[in-house]
Amino acid sequence: MSDGTIEECVDEFDGFVDTLTKYPEPVLALALRIHLAALLRALLESHRLTKAQAHEFLRDMRREVFDEDGPDPEHTLRS
């Protein structure tokens, strides 16, 4: 997956999320968490993601959320 593709996807996703103005941010965050969990489960079940990769992804997300040493670009989901 190229960085351009990721950037385009993030931009499109941001645009969509911006249209959801009637929902407070905590509701959006919970809905995104539910969808992300379902996506990760589907990737695990289809063997397109290992448990180790899922753990690594979630560790990186935690670091990004809590600004713990910033994101680690070497540990991202890749197809």
N, C-alpha and C. Protein backbone atom coordinates (compact mmCIF):
# COMPACT_ATOMS: atom_id res chain seq x y z
N MET A 1 0.86 -1.17 0.00
CA MET A 1 0.00 0.00 0.00
C MET A 1 0.90 1.23 0.00
N SER A 2 0.62 2.15 -0.87
CA SER A 2 1.46 3.34 -0.96
C SER A 2 0.99 4.40 0.03
N ASP A 3 1.91 5.28 0.42
CA ASP A 3 1.56 6.37 1.33
C ASP A 3 0.48 7.26 0.73
N GLY A 4 0.54 7.48 -0.61
CA GLY A 4 -0.47 8.29 -1.27
C GLY A 4 -1.85 7.72 -1.08
N THR A 5 -1.96 6.42 -1.16
CA THR A 5 -3.25 5.76 -0.98
C THR A 5 -3.74 5.96 0.45
N ILE A 6 -2.86 5.82 1.42
CA ILE A 6 -3.23 6.02 2.82
C ILE A 6 -3.67 7.46 3.04
N GLU A 7 -2.90 8.41 2.52
CA GLU A 7 -3.24 9.83 2.69
C GLU A 7 -4.59 10.14 2.06
N GLU A 8 -4.84 9.61 0.87
CA GLU A 8 -6.13 9.84 0.20
C GLU A 8 -7.27 9.24 1.01
N CYS A 9 -7.06 8.06 1.54
CA CYS A 9 -8.09 7.40 2.35
C CYS A 9 -8.37 8.21 3.62
N VAL A 10 -7.32 8.66 4.29
CA VAL A 10 -7.48 9.47 5.50
C VAL A 10 -8.23 10.76 5.18
N ASP A 11 -7.87 11.42 4.07
CA ASP A 11 -8.55 12.66 3.68
C ASP A 11 -10.04 12.41 3.42
N GLU A 12 -10.34 11.33 2.70
CA GLU A 12 -11.74 11.02 2.40
C GLU A 12 -12.50 10.67 3.67
N PHE A 13 -11.85 9.91 4.54
CA PHE A 13 -12.47 9.52 5.81
C PHE A 13 -12.73 10.77 6.67
N ASP A 14 -11.75 11.67 6.73
CA ASP A 14 -11.92 12.92 7.48
C ASP A 14 -13.11 13.71 6.94
N GLY A 15 -13.21 13.77 5.62
CA GLY A 15 -14.33 14.48 5.00
C GLY A 15 -15.67 13.88 5.41
N PHE A 16 -15.73 12.55 5.43
CA PHE A 16 -16.96 11.89 5.84
C PHE A 16 -17.28 12.17 7.31
N VAL A 17 -16.28 12.03 8.16
CA VAL A 17 -16.50 12.26 9.59
C VAL A 17 -16.96 13.71 9.84
N ASP A 18 -16.44 14.64 9.05
CA ASP A 18 -16.86 16.05 9.19
C ASP A 18 -18.34 16.25 8.91
N THR A 19 -18.97 15.33 8.18
CA THR A 19 -20.40 15.47 7.88
C THR A 19 -21.27 14.98 9.04
N LEU A 20 -20.67 14.33 10.01
CA LEU A 20 -21.43 13.75 11.13
C LEU A 20 -21.56 14.73 12.28
N THR A 21 -21.92 15.96 11.97
CA THR A 21 -21.93 17.04 12.96
C THR A 21 -22.98 16.88 14.06
N LYS A 22 -23.99 16.07 13.83
CA LYS A 22 -25.04 15.94 14.85
C LYS A 22 -24.62 15.05 16.02
N TYR A 23 -23.48 14.37 15.87
CA TYR A 23 -23.01 13.47 16.92
C TYR A 23 -21.86 14.10 17.69
N PRO A 24 -21.91 14.03 19.01
CA PRO A 24 -20.79 14.54 19.80
C PRO A 24 -19.54 13.66 19.58
N GLU A 25 -18.37 14.25 19.78
CA GLU A 25 -17.12 13.54 19.55
C GLU A 25 -17.02 12.21 20.31
N PRO A 26 -17.46 12.13 21.59
CA PRO A 26 -17.37 10.84 22.28
C PRO A 26 -18.19 9.74 21.60
N VAL A 27 -19.34 10.11 21.03
CA VAL A 27 -20.16 9.13 20.32
C VAL A 27 -19.44 8.68 19.05
N LEU A 28 -18.84 9.62 18.33
CA LEU A 28 -18.06 9.26 17.13
C LEU A 28 -16.89 8.35 17.49
N ALA A 29 -16.21 8.67 18.57
CA ALA A 29 -15.06 7.85 18.99
C ALA A 29 -15.51 6.43 19.31
N LEU A 30 -16.63 6.28 20.00
CA LEU A 30 -17.12 4.94 20.34
C LEU A 30 -17.54 4.19 19.07
N ALA A 31 -18.22 4.86 18.17
CA ALA A 31 -18.63 4.21 16.92
C ALA A 31 -17.41 3.78 16.11
N LEU A 32 -16.39 4.62 16.06
CA LEU A 32 -15.16 4.26 15.35
C LEU A 32 -14.47 3.08 16.01
N ARG A 33 -14.47 3.06 17.34
CA ARG A 33 -13.86 1.93 18.06
C ARG A 33 -14.58 0.63 17.73
N ILE A 34 -15.91 0.67 17.70
CA ILE A 34 -16.69 -0.52 17.39
C ILE A 34 -16.37 -1.01 15.97
N HIS A 35 -16.31 -0.09 15.03
CA HIS A 35 -16.00 -0.47 13.65
C HIS A 35 -14.57 -0.97 13.50
N LEU A 36 -13.65 -0.32 14.17
CA LEU A 36 -12.25 -0.75 14.10
C LEU A 36 -12.08 -2.14 14.69
N ALA A 37 -12.73 -2.40 15.80
CA ALA A 37 -12.66 -3.73 16.41
C ALA A 37 -13.21 -4.79 15.46
N ALA A 38 -14.33 -4.49 14.81
CA ALA A 38 -14.91 -5.44 13.86
C ALA A 38 -13.97 -5.67 12.67
N LEU A 39 -13.35 -4.59 12.19
CA LEU A 39 -12.41 -4.72 11.06
C LEU A 39 -11.20 -5.56 11.45
N LEU A 40 -10.64 -5.30 12.62
CA LEU A 40 -9.49 -6.09 13.07
C LEU A 40 -9.86 -7.55 13.26
N ARG A 41 -11.04 -7.83 13.82
CA ARG A 41 -11.50 -9.22 13.97
C ARG A 41 -11.63 -9.90 12.60
N ALA A 42 -12.20 -9.19 11.64
CA ALA A 42 -12.37 -9.75 10.29
C ALA A 42 -11.00 -10.03 9.66
N LEU A 43 -10.04 -9.12 9.84
CA LEU A 43 -8.70 -9.35 9.30
C LEU A 43 -8.03 -10.54 9.97
N LEU A 44 -8.24 -10.69 11.27
CA LEU A 44 -7.69 -11.85 11.99
C LEU A 44 -8.32 -13.14 11.50
N GLU A 45 -9.65 -13.15 11.39
CA GLU A 45 -10.37 -14.36 10.98
C GLU A 45 -10.04 -14.77 9.55
N SER A 46 -9.72 -13.79 8.70
CA SER A 46 -9.39 -14.11 7.30
C SER A 46 -7.89 -14.35 7.12
N HIS A 47 -7.16 -14.33 8.23
CA HIS A 47 -5.71 -14.58 8.22
C HIS A 47 -4.95 -13.54 7.41
N ARG A 48 -5.49 -12.32 7.33
CA ARG A 48 -4.79 -11.22 6.66
C ARG A 48 -4.02 -10.38 7.67
N LEU A 49 -4.17 -10.75 8.95
CA LEU A 49 -3.51 -10.06 10.05
C LEU A 49 -3.24 -11.10 11.12
N THR A 50 -2.04 -11.06 11.69
CA THR A 50 -1.73 -11.98 12.79
C THR A 50 -2.08 -11.32 14.12
N LYS A 51 -2.18 -12.14 15.15
CA LYS A 51 -2.43 -11.57 16.48
C LYS A 51 -1.30 -10.63 16.88
N ALA A 52 -0.07 -11.00 16.54
CA ALA A 52 1.08 -10.15 16.87
C ALA A 52 0.95 -8.79 16.16
N GLN A 53 0.54 -8.81 14.90
CA GLN A 53 0.37 -7.55 14.16
C GLN A 53 -0.75 -6.71 14.77
N ALA A 54 -1.84 -7.36 15.19
CA ALA A 54 -2.94 -6.64 15.82
C ALA A 54 -2.49 -6.00 17.13
N HIS A 55 -1.74 -6.76 17.94
CA HIS A 55 -1.22 -6.21 19.20
C HIS A 55 -0.30 -5.01 18.93
N GLU A 56 0.54 -5.15 17.94
CA GLU A 56 1.47 -4.08 17.58
C GLU A 56 0.72 -2.84 17.13
N PHE A 57 -0.31 -3.02 16.31
CA PHE A 57 -1.14 -1.92 15.83
C PHE A 57 -1.77 -1.19 17.01
N LEU A 58 -2.33 -1.96 17.95
CA LEU A 58 -2.99 -1.35 19.09
C LEU A 58 -2.00 -0.66 20.03
N ARG A 59 -0.80 -1.23 20.18
CA ARG A 59 0.25 -0.56 20.98
C ARG A 59 0.62 0.78 20.34
N ASP A 60 0.78 0.77 19.01
CA ASP A 60 1.12 2.01 18.30
C ASP A 60 0.01 3.04 18.45
N MET A 61 -1.24 2.59 18.38
CA MET A 61 -2.36 3.52 18.55
C MET A 61 -2.34 4.14 19.94
N ARG A 62 -2.07 3.31 20.94
CA ARG A 62 -2.01 3.82 22.31
C ARG A 62 -0.91 4.89 22.43
N ARG A 63 0.25 4.61 21.83
CA ARG A 63 1.35 5.58 21.86
C ARG A 63 0.93 6.89 21.20
N GLU A 64 0.23 6.79 20.08
CA GLU A 64 -0.22 8.00 19.38
C GLU A 64 -1.25 8.77 20.20
N VAL A 65 -2.19 8.05 20.80
CA VAL A 65 -3.24 8.70 21.58
C VAL A 65 -2.66 9.42 22.79
N PHE A 66 -1.74 8.76 23.48
CA PHE A 66 -1.18 9.32 24.71
C PHE A 66 0.15 10.01 24.48
N ASP A 67 0.52 10.18 23.22
CA ASP A 67 1.75 10.88 22.83
C ASP A 67 2.97 10.30 23.55
N GLU A 68 3.02 8.98 23.60
CA GLU A 68 4.14 8.29 24.22
C GLU A 68 5.17 7.97 23.14
N ASP A 69 6.17 8.80 22.98
CA ASP A 69 7.23 8.62 22.00
C ASP A 69 6.75 8.76 20.56
N GLY A 70 5.52 9.22 20.33
CA GLY A 70 5.01 9.41 18.98
C GLY A 70 4.79 8.11 18.25
N PRO A 71 4.24 8.20 17.04
CA PRO A 71 3.97 6.99 16.25
C PRO A 71 5.26 6.37 15.75
N ASP A 72 5.23 5.07 15.56
CA ASP A 72 6.37 4.34 15.03
C ASP A 72 6.03 3.93 13.61
N PRO A 73 6.57 4.62 12.60
CA PRO A 73 6.19 4.35 11.21
C PRO A 73 6.60 2.95 10.74
N GLU A 74 7.46 2.29 11.45
CA GLU A 74 7.87 0.93 11.07
C GLU A 74 6.84 -0.11 11.48
N HIS A 75 5.89 0.26 12.34
CA HIS A 75 4.91 -0.69 12.84
C HIS A 75 3.51 -0.24 12.50
N THR A 76 3.15 -0.36 11.25
CA THR A 76 1.82 -0.02 10.80
C THR A 76 1.24 -1.18 10.03
N LEU A 77 -0.09 -1.23 9.94
CA LEU A 77 -0.74 -2.28 9.15
C LEU A 77 -0.41 -2.08 7.69
N ARG A 78 -0.02 -3.14 7.05
CA ARG A 78 0.26 -3.09 5.62
C ARG A 78 -0.39 -4.29 4.96
N SER A 79 -0.88 -4.08 3.74
CA SER A 79 -1.47 -5.19 2.98
C SER A 79 -0.38 -5.89 2.21
